[in-house]
Protein backbone atom coordinates (compact mmCIF):
# COMPACT_ATOMS: atom_id res chain seq x y z
CA MET A 1 -8.99 -11.14 15.40
CA THR A 2 -12.70 -10.32 15.06
CA GLN A 3 -14.95 -13.05 13.64
CA LEU A 4 -17.39 -12.30 10.84
CA ASP A 5 -20.84 -11.38 12.09
CA ASP A 6 -23.71 -11.22 9.58
CA LEU A 7 -25.82 -9.03 11.87
CA GLN A 8 -23.04 -6.45 12.22
CA MET A 9 -22.56 -6.50 8.45
CA TYR A 10 -26.29 -6.01 7.91
CA PHE A 11 -26.09 -2.79 9.93
CA GLY A 12 -22.89 -1.68 8.19
CA ARG A 13 -20.48 -1.99 11.09
CA PRO A 14 -16.79 -1.76 10.16
CA PHE A 15 -14.65 -4.88 10.54
CA GLN A 16 -11.58 -4.62 12.77
CA VAL A 17 -8.87 -7.07 11.71
CA ASP A 18 -6.20 -5.88 14.16
CA ASP A 19 -5.09 -2.68 15.89
CA HIS A 20 -3.98 -1.17 12.55
CA ILE A 21 -6.54 -2.57 10.10
CA THR A 22 -10.20 -1.60 10.10
CA VAL A 23 -12.22 -2.32 6.97
CA LYS A 24 -15.06 0.09 6.27
CA HIS A 25 -18.48 -1.02 5.07
CA PRO A 26 -19.43 1.65 2.51
CA ARG A 27 -22.97 2.96 2.13
CA ILE A 28 -24.58 2.76 -1.30
CA GLY A 29 -24.43 6.54 -1.69
CA ALA A 30 -20.70 6.58 -0.96
CA ILE A 31 -20.14 3.89 -3.61
CA ILE A 32 -22.18 5.85 -6.15
CA ASP A 33 -20.20 9.03 -5.43
CA TYR A 34 -16.86 7.20 -5.56
CA GLY A 35 -17.80 5.34 -8.74
CA GLU A 36 -19.16 1.81 -8.84
CA GLN A 37 -16.53 0.59 -11.30
CA ARG A 38 -13.72 2.03 -9.17
CA TYR A 39 -15.25 0.34 -6.15
CA ARG A 40 -15.50 -3.02 -7.91
CA ARG A 41 -11.82 -2.72 -8.85
CA ILE A 42 -11.02 -2.47 -5.14
CA ILE A 43 -13.12 -5.54 -4.39
CA GLY A 44 -11.47 -7.45 -7.21
CA ALA A 45 -7.98 -6.64 -5.95
CA LEU A 46 -8.86 -7.82 -2.45
CA THR A 47 -10.77 -11.00 -3.31
CA THR A 48 -9.40 -12.43 -6.56
CA SER A 49 -7.77 -15.84 -6.21
CA PRO A 50 -5.15 -17.33 -8.57
CA SER A 51 -7.82 -19.71 -9.90
CA MET A 52 -9.70 -16.66 -11.20
CA MET A 53 -6.65 -15.52 -13.22
CA ILE A 54 -5.43 -18.80 -14.71
CA SER A 55 -4.64 -17.58 -18.23
CA VAL A 56 -3.47 -14.13 -17.11
CA LEU A 57 -0.94 -15.67 -14.73
CA TYR A 58 0.12 -18.19 -17.38
CA ASP A 59 0.89 -15.35 -19.79
CA MET A 60 3.01 -13.80 -17.02
CA GLY A 61 4.94 -17.05 -16.61
CA VAL A 62 3.23 -17.88 -13.31
CA ASP A 63 1.60 -21.22 -12.48
CA TRP A 64 -1.71 -20.50 -10.74
CA GLU A 65 -1.35 -23.69 -8.68
CA GLN A 66 2.01 -22.57 -7.32
CA ILE A 67 1.03 -19.12 -6.06
CA SER A 68 -1.11 -18.46 -2.99
CA ASP A 69 -3.93 -15.95 -2.70
CA PHE A 70 -1.79 -13.77 -0.46
CA GLU A 71 1.21 -13.92 -2.79
CA LEU A 72 -1.01 -12.88 -5.69
CA PHE A 73 -2.33 -9.93 -3.72
CA ALA A 74 0.97 -8.84 -2.17
CA ILE A 75 3.05 -9.09 -5.34
CA HIS A 76 0.56 -8.23 -8.10
CA LEU A 77 -2.97 -7.07 -7.24
CA ARG A 78 -2.07 -4.68 -4.42
CA ASN A 79 -0.51 -2.35 -6.96
CA MET A 80 -3.95 -1.81 -8.52
CA LEU A 81 -5.05 0.15 -5.45
CA THR A 82 -4.36 3.87 -5.20
CA ASP A 83 -4.12 5.93 -2.02
CA GLU A 84 -7.71 7.02 -2.65
CA ASP A 85 -8.80 3.39 -2.89
CA SER A 86 -7.11 2.55 0.40
CA ALA A 87 -8.69 5.56 2.10
CA PHE A 88 -12.12 4.56 0.79
CA ILE A 89 -12.03 0.99 2.07
CA PHE A 90 -9.72 1.20 5.11
CA ASP A 91 -9.77 3.46 8.14
CA GLY A 92 -6.33 5.10 8.26
CA LEU A 93 -4.48 2.36 6.35
CA ARG A 94 -2.54 3.18 3.18
CA LEU A 95 -1.36 0.09 1.32
CA ASN A 96 1.18 2.10 -0.68
CA GLU A 97 3.16 2.50 2.55
CA TYR A 98 3.73 -1.27 2.61
CA ASN A 99 6.48 -3.22 0.90
CA ALA A 100 6.53 -6.96 0.26
CA THR A 101 9.31 -8.58 2.29
CA ARG A 102 10.09 -11.60 4.48
CA ASN A 103 9.77 -11.74 8.24
CA ALA A 104 12.14 -13.51 10.64
CA LYS A 105 10.41 -16.83 9.86
CA GLY A 106 10.92 -16.36 6.13
CA GLU A 107 7.21 -15.77 5.54
CA LEU A 108 6.00 -13.26 2.97
CA VAL A 109 4.53 -10.16 4.62
CA LEU A 110 3.63 -6.60 3.72
CA ARG A 111 5.50 -4.25 6.08
CA SER A 112 4.78 -0.55 6.59
CA VAL A 113 7.83 1.64 6.02
CA LEU A 114 6.36 4.14 8.50
CA THR A 115 5.13 2.05 11.42
CA GLY A 116 6.64 -1.39 10.91
CA HIS A 117 3.16 -2.93 11.03
CA GLU A 118 2.94 -6.16 9.09
CA ILE A 119 0.12 -7.63 7.06
CA GLY A 120 0.52 -11.37 6.80
CA GLU A 121 -1.51 -14.13 5.26
CA GLN A 122 -3.85 -14.35 8.26
CA GLN A 123 -4.74 -10.65 8.14
CA TYR A 124 -5.17 -10.76 4.38
CA PHE A 125 -7.55 -13.72 4.52
CA ALA A 126 -9.62 -11.98 7.19
CA ILE A 127 -9.99 -8.94 4.92
CA ALA A 128 -10.72 -11.07 1.84
CA ASP A 129 -13.27 -13.25 3.66
CA TYR A 130 -15.07 -10.16 4.93
CA MET A 131 -15.24 -8.58 1.49
CA ARG A 132 -16.39 -11.85 -0.11
CA ARG A 133 -19.15 -12.25 2.45
CA ILE A 134 -20.45 -8.70 1.94
CA HIS A 135 -20.41 -8.95 -1.85
CA GLY A 136 -21.53 -12.56 -2.27
CA ILE A 137 -18.25 -13.66 -3.87
CA LYS A 138 -17.19 -17.31 -3.68
CA HIS A 139 -13.59 -18.24 -2.98
CA VAL A 140 -12.64 -20.01 -6.21
CA VAL A 141 -10.03 -22.79 -6.10
CA ARG A 142 -9.38 -24.88 -9.20
CA LYS A 143 -6.88 -27.71 -9.48
CA ALA A 144 -5.69 -29.60 -12.57
CA GLY A 145 -5.14 -33.33 -12.28
CA ASN A 146 -2.61 -33.55 -15.12
CA PHE A 147 -0.82 -31.56 -17.80
CA ILE A 148 -3.52 -32.03 -20.47
CA THR A 149 -6.25 -30.86 -18.10
CA LYS A 150 -4.09 -27.91 -17.14
CA ARG A 151 -3.73 -26.78 -20.75
CA ARG A 152 -7.48 -27.09 -21.29
CA MET A 153 -8.19 -25.07 -18.16
CA ILE A 154 -5.85 -22.30 -19.34
CA GLU A 155 -7.59 -22.07 -22.71
CA ALA A 156 -11.06 -22.28 -21.17
CA ASP A 157 -10.18 -19.47 -18.80
CA ARG A 158 -8.90 -17.36 -21.69
CA GLU A 159 -12.19 -17.85 -23.56
CA ASP A 160 -14.24 -17.07 -20.45
CA ARG A 161 -12.33 -13.85 -19.87
CA MET A 162 -12.97 -12.74 -23.45
CA SER A 163 -16.69 -13.44 -23.02
CA GLU A 164 -16.79 -11.60 -19.68
CA ALA A 165 -15.04 -8.59 -21.25
CA ALA A 166 -17.74 -8.41 -23.92
CA VAL A 167 -20.50 -8.61 -21.30
CA LYS A 168 -18.88 -5.87 -19.19
CA GLN A 169 -18.91 -3.53 -22.19
CA GLU A 170 -22.70 -3.93 -22.36
CA SER A 171 -23.42 -3.75 -18.61
CA ASN A 172 -22.30 -0.65 -16.71
CA SER A 173 -23.77 -1.32 -13.29
CA TYR A 174 -24.14 -4.29 -10.97
CA LEU A 175 -26.12 -2.39 -8.35
CA LEU A 176 -28.65 -0.70 -10.63
CA PRO A 177 -30.79 -3.78 -11.39
CA ILE A 178 -30.72 -4.81 -7.71
CA ILE A 179 -31.81 -1.39 -6.48
CA SER A 180 -34.41 -1.07 -9.23
CA ALA A 181 -35.89 -4.48 -8.36
CA LEU A 182 -36.07 -3.57 -4.67
CA LEU A 183 -37.77 -0.23 -5.28
CA ASN A 184 -40.36 -1.92 -7.50
CA SER A 185 -41.02 -4.71 -5.02
CA PRO A 186 -44.40 -4.20 -3.25
CA GLY A 187 -43.05 -5.30 0.13
CA PHE A 188 -39.93 -3.13 0.13
CA LYS A 189 -40.38 0.01 2.26
CA ASP A 190 -37.20 2.02 1.58
CA ASN A 191 -37.18 4.91 -0.87
CA LEU A 192 -34.24 6.20 -2.89
CA GLU A 193 -32.96 8.42 -0.11
CA GLU A 194 -33.08 5.60 2.41
CA ILE A 195 -31.26 3.19 0.08
CA TRP A 196 -28.60 5.87 -0.43
CA ASN A 197 -27.72 5.59 3.27
CA ARG A 198 -27.88 1.80 3.51
CA PRO A 199 -24.76 -0.40 3.72
CA TYR A 200 -23.97 -2.63 0.75
CA PHE A 201 -24.76 -5.88 2.58
CA TYR A 202 -28.19 -4.61 3.64
CA VAL A 203 -29.22 -3.85 0.06
CA THR A 204 -27.92 -7.06 -1.52
CA GLU A 205 -29.37 -9.25 1.26
CA SER A 206 -32.81 -7.59 1.32
């Protein structure tokens, strides 16, 4: 399995997880055409950990400390992604062809009904780590020491999510202020057309 390489990401190279999974590195222009909010939904589905959904999972009757990142993705978040989303972020892979099942070892996997190819926890973490690195997203893990702390964490998460929802209503774009700041920076040489063709990692790391 290919290791993460910052230099390759800087130049927008795709990331090959295995023979069936290649993750694209979209250019800024492609993200703009696809829709930034749609794109961020894809990123969220691929990188969100249970600790980022504490109250949501609680309301679903799920303990965030008892579900793994891969279980969350395979059972819940994967369904957020359409065929168009899969085509945008993967080269030839369609997640809707995959069903959650157990392999011979009893491990949870996603198995293609067409090819039999399986996506396990290792492949998922490779994809998630790649997307987190490109987008500057930290892998969040939160643990409660006791029942009282757990209840407080659930309520705090609920309040945070309400605050974030209000902020999102006021802010439509994550990329706009970054691109605007770069274009107005005296030492930055790219123009709008050049930024349009740059990979995401190049722009956010510049």
